[in-house]
Amino acid sequence: MILAIGTTLVVSTQAFAVTMKELQGAWAIEGSDCANTFKKTGGKVTFKNPGSEVTSGVIVTGNKIVSPDLSCTAISIKPEKDRLSAKMTCADALLIQTMSMSFKITGADTFERFDPSYPTMAFTYRRCKL
């Protein structure tokens, strides 16, 4: 799930606020069902099964990216060839760590996530409209 969170950030440092604004909301990994991953209660989107390790989604609120078991805050974003690299501070129930992820926006409601250790392997996420 750590890898899922890191990919939700987009664009250069100068456009950071605009990009994060565009990414607000819930995102599910391609092949996952939004309705099985998220629920909306009182106008707020949350995870249907918080704490589940099988939930394949993230929620972006401000500069925070949250999965059911991990919360990250974006601290920097920089361009790298056709992708962007995001540095984040993330915390789970036991520890806090800094991590990097690469990502590429592929459409208004889709992006691809890349782990810097495996730059040719991509995971596609799509925006859930709840």
N, C-alpha and C. Protein backbone atom coordinates (compact mmCIF):
# COMPACT_ATOMS: atom_id res chain seq x y z
N MET A 1 0.82 -1.18 0.00
CA MET A 1 0.00 0.00 0.00
C MET A 1 0.86 1.25 0.00
N ILE A 2 2.08 1.18 0.53
CA ILE A 2 2.98 2.33 0.51
C ILE A 2 3.16 2.82 -0.91
N LEU A 3 3.34 1.92 -1.84
CA LEU A 3 3.55 2.31 -3.23
C LEU A 3 2.33 3.00 -3.81
N ALA A 4 1.17 2.62 -3.37
CA ALA A 4 -0.05 3.23 -3.89
C ALA A 4 -0.15 4.70 -3.54
N ILE A 5 0.22 5.06 -2.37
CA ILE A 5 0.10 6.43 -1.94
C ILE A 5 1.02 7.35 -2.70
N GLY A 6 2.22 6.94 -2.91
CA GLY A 6 3.23 7.80 -3.48
C GLY A 6 2.94 8.32 -4.86
N THR A 7 2.02 7.79 -5.55
CA THR A 7 1.83 8.17 -6.93
C THR A 7 0.74 9.16 -7.19
N THR A 8 0.16 9.65 -6.19
CA THR A 8 -0.98 10.51 -6.42
C THR A 8 -0.59 11.95 -6.69
N LEU A 9 0.62 12.34 -6.49
CA LEU A 9 1.06 13.71 -6.68
C LEU A 9 1.39 13.99 -8.13
N VAL A 10 1.28 15.27 -8.53
CA VAL A 10 1.52 15.59 -9.93
C VAL A 10 2.13 16.96 -10.15
N VAL A 11 2.86 17.13 -11.25
CA VAL A 11 3.39 18.34 -11.85
C VAL A 11 4.57 18.91 -11.09
N SER A 12 5.08 20.03 -11.55
CA SER A 12 6.29 20.62 -10.97
C SER A 12 5.99 21.36 -9.69
N THR A 13 7.04 21.77 -8.99
CA THR A 13 6.88 22.48 -7.74
C THR A 13 6.09 23.76 -7.95
N GLN A 14 6.31 24.47 -9.06
CA GLN A 14 5.59 25.71 -9.31
C GLN A 14 4.09 25.48 -9.43
N ALA A 15 3.67 24.36 -9.96
CA ALA A 15 2.25 24.08 -10.16
C ALA A 15 1.70 23.18 -9.07
N PHE A 16 2.44 23.00 -8.00
CA PHE A 16 2.06 22.07 -6.94
C PHE A 16 0.65 22.30 -6.44
N ALA A 17 0.29 23.52 -6.08
CA ALA A 17 -1.03 23.79 -5.52
C ALA A 17 -2.13 23.50 -6.53
N VAL A 18 -1.95 23.92 -7.77
CA VAL A 18 -2.95 23.68 -8.81
C VAL A 18 -3.11 22.19 -9.03
N THR A 19 -2.03 21.47 -9.15
CA THR A 19 -2.07 20.04 -9.42
C THR A 19 -2.75 19.29 -8.28
N MET A 20 -2.38 19.62 -7.04
CA MET A 20 -3.02 18.95 -5.92
C MET A 20 -4.51 19.25 -5.91
N LYS A 21 -4.88 20.46 -6.30
CA LYS A 21 -6.30 20.80 -6.36
C LYS A 21 -7.02 19.90 -7.36
N GLU A 22 -6.39 19.67 -8.49
CA GLU A 22 -6.98 18.81 -9.52
C GLU A 22 -7.06 17.35 -9.08
N LEU A 23 -6.20 16.95 -8.16
CA LEU A 23 -6.16 15.54 -7.73
C LEU A 23 -6.96 15.25 -6.47
N GLN A 24 -7.66 16.23 -5.96
CA GLN A 24 -8.45 16.00 -4.76
C GLN A 24 -9.50 14.92 -5.02
N GLY A 25 -9.67 14.05 -4.07
CA GLY A 25 -10.69 13.03 -4.18
C GLY A 25 -10.15 11.62 -4.03
N ALA A 26 -10.93 10.67 -4.47
CA ALA A 26 -10.63 9.25 -4.33
C ALA A 26 -10.14 8.66 -5.64
N TRP A 27 -9.12 7.81 -5.56
CA TRP A 27 -8.52 7.17 -6.73
C TRP A 27 -8.40 5.67 -6.47
N ALA A 28 -8.79 4.87 -7.43
CA ALA A 28 -8.69 3.40 -7.31
C ALA A 28 -7.73 2.89 -8.37
N ILE A 29 -6.99 1.86 -8.02
CA ILE A 29 -6.09 1.23 -8.99
C ILE A 29 -6.94 0.57 -10.06
N GLU A 30 -6.47 0.62 -11.29
CA GLU A 30 -7.23 0.04 -12.41
C GLU A 30 -7.59 -1.41 -12.10
N GLY A 31 -8.84 -1.75 -12.35
CA GLY A 31 -9.33 -3.10 -12.07
C GLY A 31 -10.06 -3.20 -10.74
N SER A 32 -9.91 -2.19 -9.88
CA SER A 32 -10.63 -2.16 -8.61
C SER A 32 -11.97 -1.46 -8.80
N ASP A 33 -12.93 -1.83 -8.01
CA ASP A 33 -14.26 -1.24 -8.07
C ASP A 33 -14.35 -0.11 -7.05
N CYS A 34 -14.62 1.09 -7.53
CA CYS A 34 -14.73 2.26 -6.64
C CYS A 34 -15.76 2.02 -5.53
N ALA A 35 -16.88 1.42 -5.88
CA ALA A 35 -17.95 1.19 -4.91
C ALA A 35 -17.54 0.21 -3.82
N ASN A 36 -16.60 -0.69 -4.10
CA ASN A 36 -16.11 -1.63 -3.09
C ASN A 36 -14.97 -1.05 -2.27
N THR A 37 -14.37 0.04 -2.76
CA THR A 37 -13.22 0.63 -2.10
C THR A 37 -13.60 1.82 -1.21
N PHE A 38 -14.52 2.66 -1.70
CA PHE A 38 -14.87 3.90 -1.01
C PHE A 38 -16.36 3.98 -0.69
N LYS A 39 -16.67 4.85 0.27
CA LYS A 39 -18.07 5.18 0.56
C LYS A 39 -18.13 6.68 0.83
N LYS A 40 -19.29 7.24 0.64
CA LYS A 40 -19.49 8.67 0.88
C LYS A 40 -20.57 8.82 1.94
N THR A 41 -20.18 9.48 3.03
CA THR A 41 -21.10 9.70 4.14
C THR A 41 -21.06 11.18 4.51
N GLY A 42 -22.20 11.82 4.45
CA GLY A 42 -22.26 13.23 4.79
C GLY A 42 -21.38 14.11 3.92
N GLY A 43 -21.22 13.74 2.66
CA GLY A 43 -20.41 14.52 1.73
C GLY A 43 -18.92 14.24 1.81
N LYS A 44 -18.49 13.35 2.70
CA LYS A 44 -17.07 13.03 2.87
C LYS A 44 -16.79 11.61 2.37
N VAL A 45 -15.75 11.46 1.55
CA VAL A 45 -15.35 10.16 1.04
C VAL A 45 -14.38 9.51 2.03
N THR A 46 -14.65 8.26 2.37
CA THR A 46 -13.78 7.49 3.25
C THR A 46 -13.62 6.09 2.67
N PHE A 47 -12.73 5.32 3.27
CA PHE A 47 -12.55 3.94 2.82
C PHE A 47 -13.67 3.08 3.38
N LYS A 48 -14.17 2.19 2.54
CA LYS A 48 -15.24 1.30 2.95
C LYS A 48 -14.75 0.35 4.04
N ASN A 49 -13.51 -0.13 3.92
CA ASN A 49 -12.92 -1.04 4.90
C ASN A 49 -11.60 -0.48 5.40
N PRO A 50 -11.65 0.53 6.30
CA PRO A 50 -10.40 1.12 6.80
C PRO A 50 -9.53 0.06 7.46
N GLY A 51 -8.23 0.16 7.24
CA GLY A 51 -7.30 -0.80 7.82
C GLY A 51 -7.11 -2.04 6.98
N SER A 52 -7.87 -2.18 5.90
CA SER A 52 -7.74 -3.34 5.04
C SER A 52 -6.49 -3.23 4.17
N GLU A 53 -5.70 -4.27 4.12
CA GLU A 53 -4.51 -4.27 3.28
C GLU A 53 -4.84 -4.58 1.83
N VAL A 54 -6.06 -4.97 1.54
CA VAL A 54 -6.42 -5.30 0.17
C VAL A 54 -7.10 -4.14 -0.56
N THR A 55 -7.36 -3.04 0.15
CA THR A 55 -7.96 -1.88 -0.49
C THR A 55 -6.95 -1.26 -1.44
N SER A 56 -7.33 -1.09 -2.69
CA SER A 56 -6.42 -0.58 -3.71
C SER A 56 -6.79 0.84 -4.12
N GLY A 57 -6.70 1.75 -3.18
CA GLY A 57 -7.03 3.12 -3.49
C GLY A 57 -6.37 4.09 -2.55
N VAL A 58 -6.46 5.38 -2.93
CA VAL A 58 -5.95 6.46 -2.10
C VAL A 58 -6.94 7.62 -2.13
N ILE A 59 -6.88 8.44 -1.09
CA ILE A 59 -7.69 9.65 -1.02
C ILE A 59 -6.73 10.83 -0.88
N VAL A 60 -6.91 11.83 -1.75
CA VAL A 60 -6.08 13.04 -1.72
C VAL A 60 -6.90 14.18 -1.13
N THR A 61 -6.37 14.78 -0.08
CA THR A 61 -7.01 15.93 0.57
C THR A 61 -5.91 16.93 0.88
N GLY A 62 -5.95 18.08 0.22
CA GLY A 62 -4.88 19.06 0.40
C GLY A 62 -3.58 18.48 -0.13
N ASN A 63 -2.51 18.53 0.67
CA ASN A 63 -1.24 17.93 0.27
C ASN A 63 -1.01 16.57 0.93
N LYS A 64 -2.10 15.98 1.43
CA LYS A 64 -2.05 14.66 2.08
C LYS A 64 -2.61 13.60 1.16
N ILE A 65 -1.96 12.44 1.21
CA ILE A 65 -2.40 11.27 0.46
C ILE A 65 -2.54 10.14 1.46
N VAL A 66 -3.74 9.54 1.52
CA VAL A 66 -4.01 8.55 2.55
C VAL A 66 -4.51 7.26 1.91
N SER A 67 -3.99 6.14 2.43
CA SER A 67 -4.52 4.82 2.10
C SER A 67 -5.11 4.29 3.41
N PRO A 68 -5.70 3.11 3.40
CA PRO A 68 -6.28 2.60 4.65
C PRO A 68 -5.26 2.44 5.78
N ASP A 69 -3.98 2.24 5.45
CA ASP A 69 -3.00 1.98 6.51
C ASP A 69 -1.79 2.91 6.50
N LEU A 70 -1.80 3.97 5.68
CA LEU A 70 -0.64 4.85 5.58
C LEU A 70 -1.09 6.26 5.24
N SER A 71 -0.43 7.25 5.83
CA SER A 71 -0.73 8.65 5.54
C SER A 71 0.56 9.35 5.14
N CYS A 72 0.53 10.06 4.00
CA CYS A 72 1.71 10.74 3.49
C CYS A 72 1.43 12.22 3.28
N THR A 73 2.48 13.02 3.41
CA THR A 73 2.42 14.44 3.11
C THR A 73 3.49 14.74 2.08
N ALA A 74 3.11 15.40 0.98
CA ALA A 74 4.06 15.77 -0.07
C ALA A 74 4.98 16.86 0.45
N ILE A 75 6.30 16.67 0.28
CA ILE A 75 7.24 17.69 0.70
C ILE A 75 7.99 18.31 -0.48
N SER A 76 8.07 17.63 -1.62
CA SER A 76 8.65 18.23 -2.83
C SER A 76 8.27 17.41 -4.05
N ILE A 77 8.27 18.11 -5.20
CA ILE A 77 7.98 17.48 -6.48
C ILE A 77 8.94 18.05 -7.51
N LYS A 78 9.55 17.19 -8.35
CA LYS A 78 10.45 17.69 -9.39
C LYS A 78 10.27 16.89 -10.68
N PRO A 79 10.45 17.54 -11.83
CA PRO A 79 10.32 16.84 -13.12
C PRO A 79 11.51 15.92 -13.37
N GLU A 80 11.25 14.77 -14.00
CA GLU A 80 12.27 13.80 -14.41
C GLU A 80 11.85 13.21 -15.74
N LYS A 81 12.48 13.62 -16.83
CA LYS A 81 12.14 13.16 -18.18
C LYS A 81 10.64 13.33 -18.42
N ASP A 82 9.90 12.25 -18.69
CA ASP A 82 8.46 12.35 -18.95
C ASP A 82 7.61 12.12 -17.70
N ARG A 83 8.27 12.07 -16.55
CA ARG A 83 7.57 11.79 -15.29
C ARG A 83 7.90 12.85 -14.26
N LEU A 84 7.23 12.78 -13.15
CA LEU A 84 7.51 13.64 -12.01
C LEU A 84 7.89 12.78 -10.83
N SER A 85 8.79 13.28 -10.03
CA SER A 85 9.23 12.57 -8.84
C SER A 85 8.73 13.31 -7.61
N ALA A 86 8.09 12.60 -6.72
CA ALA A 86 7.55 13.20 -5.49
C ALA A 86 8.28 12.63 -4.28
N LYS A 87 8.70 13.51 -3.39
CA LYS A 87 9.28 13.09 -2.12
C LYS A 87 8.23 13.31 -1.06
N MET A 88 8.00 12.29 -0.23
CA MET A 88 6.93 12.35 0.76
C MET A 88 7.41 11.87 2.12
N THR A 89 6.78 12.39 3.15
CA THR A 89 6.95 11.88 4.49
C THR A 89 5.70 11.06 4.79
N CYS A 90 5.90 9.79 5.14
CA CYS A 90 4.76 8.88 5.35
C CYS A 90 4.83 8.25 6.73
N ALA A 91 3.66 7.97 7.28
CA ALA A 91 3.58 7.35 8.61
C ALA A 91 2.50 6.28 8.61
N ASP A 92 2.81 5.18 9.29
CA ASP A 92 1.80 4.16 9.55
C ASP A 92 1.70 4.02 11.07
N ALA A 93 1.15 2.96 11.56
CA ALA A 93 0.96 2.79 13.00
C ALA A 93 2.28 2.65 13.76
N LEU A 94 3.37 2.27 13.05
CA LEU A 94 4.62 2.00 13.74
C LEU A 94 5.76 2.96 13.45
N LEU A 95 5.85 3.51 12.24
CA LEU A 95 7.00 4.33 11.93
C LEU A 95 6.71 5.44 10.94
N ILE A 96 7.66 6.38 10.89
CA ILE A 96 7.61 7.48 9.94
C ILE A 96 8.81 7.33 9.03
N GLN A 97 8.60 7.54 7.72
CA GLN A 97 9.69 7.40 6.77
C GLN A 97 9.53 8.39 5.62
N THR A 98 10.64 8.68 4.96
CA THR A 98 10.61 9.50 3.76
C THR A 98 10.74 8.56 2.59
N MET A 99 9.94 8.79 1.54
CA MET A 99 9.99 7.92 0.37
C MET A 99 9.79 8.75 -0.89
N SER A 100 10.18 8.17 -2.02
CA SER A 100 10.01 8.82 -3.31
C SER A 100 9.19 7.93 -4.23
N MET A 101 8.42 8.56 -5.09
CA MET A 101 7.65 7.88 -6.12
C MET A 101 7.71 8.70 -7.39
N SER A 102 7.56 8.05 -8.52
CA SER A 102 7.46 8.74 -9.80
C SER A 102 6.07 8.50 -10.35
N PHE A 103 5.57 9.47 -11.11
CA PHE A 103 4.23 9.34 -11.66
C PHE A 103 4.13 10.12 -12.95
N LYS A 104 3.09 9.79 -13.71
CA LYS A 104 2.84 10.42 -15.00
C LYS A 104 1.34 10.56 -15.17
N ILE A 105 0.88 11.79 -15.40
CA ILE A 105 -0.54 12.01 -15.66
C ILE A 105 -0.83 11.56 -17.08
N THR A 106 -1.82 10.70 -17.25
CA THR A 106 -2.15 10.17 -18.58
C THR A 106 -3.50 10.64 -19.09
N GLY A 107 -4.26 11.34 -18.26
CA GLY A 107 -5.57 11.85 -18.65
C GLY A 107 -6.15 12.65 -17.51
N ALA A 108 -7.29 13.27 -17.74
CA ALA A 108 -7.93 14.10 -16.71
C ALA A 108 -8.28 13.29 -15.46
N ASP A 109 -8.58 12.02 -15.63
CA ASP A 109 -8.98 11.18 -14.50
C ASP A 109 -8.12 9.92 -14.37
N THR A 110 -6.90 9.94 -14.90
CA THR A 110 -6.00 8.79 -14.78
C THR A 110 -4.55 9.24 -14.60
N PHE A 111 -3.80 8.42 -13.89
CA PHE A 111 -2.36 8.61 -13.80
C PHE A 111 -1.69 7.26 -13.63
N GLU A 112 -0.39 7.22 -13.91
CA GLU A 112 0.39 6.00 -13.72
C GLU A 112 1.40 6.23 -12.60
N ARG A 113 1.61 5.23 -11.77
CA ARG A 113 2.55 5.28 -10.66
C ARG A 113 3.73 4.36 -10.98
N PHE A 114 4.93 4.85 -10.68
CA PHE A 114 6.15 4.08 -10.88
C PHE A 114 6.96 4.08 -9.58
N ASP A 115 7.48 2.94 -9.21
CA ASP A 115 8.40 2.84 -8.09
C ASP A 115 9.79 3.11 -8.67
N PRO A 116 10.58 4.04 -8.09
CA PRO A 116 11.90 4.31 -8.64
C PRO A 116 12.79 3.07 -8.76
N SER A 117 12.56 2.05 -7.96
CA SER A 117 13.35 0.81 -8.05
C SER A 117 12.96 -0.03 -9.26
N TYR A 118 11.75 0.18 -9.80
CA TYR A 118 11.24 -0.57 -10.94
C TYR A 118 10.63 0.40 -11.95
N PRO A 119 11.45 1.23 -12.62
CA PRO A 119 10.93 2.33 -13.45
C PRO A 119 10.13 1.91 -14.69
N THR A 120 10.19 0.66 -15.10
CA THR A 120 9.43 0.23 -16.28
C THR A 120 8.09 -0.40 -15.91
N MET A 121 7.85 -0.61 -14.65
CA MET A 121 6.60 -1.23 -14.19
C MET A 121 5.64 -0.14 -13.72
N ALA A 122 4.48 -0.03 -14.37
CA ALA A 122 3.54 1.03 -14.04
C ALA A 122 2.22 0.47 -13.53
N PHE A 123 1.57 1.22 -12.63
CA PHE A 123 0.24 0.91 -12.13
C PHE A 123 -0.65 2.09 -12.46
N THR A 124 -1.80 1.83 -13.06
CA THR A 124 -2.71 2.89 -13.46
C THR A 124 -3.81 3.08 -12.41
N TYR A 125 -4.08 4.35 -12.11
CA TYR A 125 -5.15 4.72 -11.18
C TYR A 125 -6.17 5.55 -11.90
N ARG A 126 -7.43 5.42 -11.49
CA ARG A 126 -8.48 6.24 -12.08
C ARG A 126 -9.28 6.89 -10.96
N ARG A 127 -9.78 8.08 -11.27
CA ARG A 127 -10.56 8.84 -10.30
C ARG A 127 -11.92 8.20 -10.10
N CYS A 128 -12.35 8.09 -8.86
CA CYS A 128 -13.67 7.56 -8.54
C CYS A 128 -14.63 8.74 -8.35
N LYS A 129 -15.72 8.70 -9.07
CA LYS A 129 -16.72 9.77 -8.99
C LYS A 129 -17.86 9.26 -8.12
N LEU A 130 -17.83 9.66 -6.87
CA LEU A 130 -18.83 9.18 -5.91
C LEU A 130 -19.88 10.23 -5.66
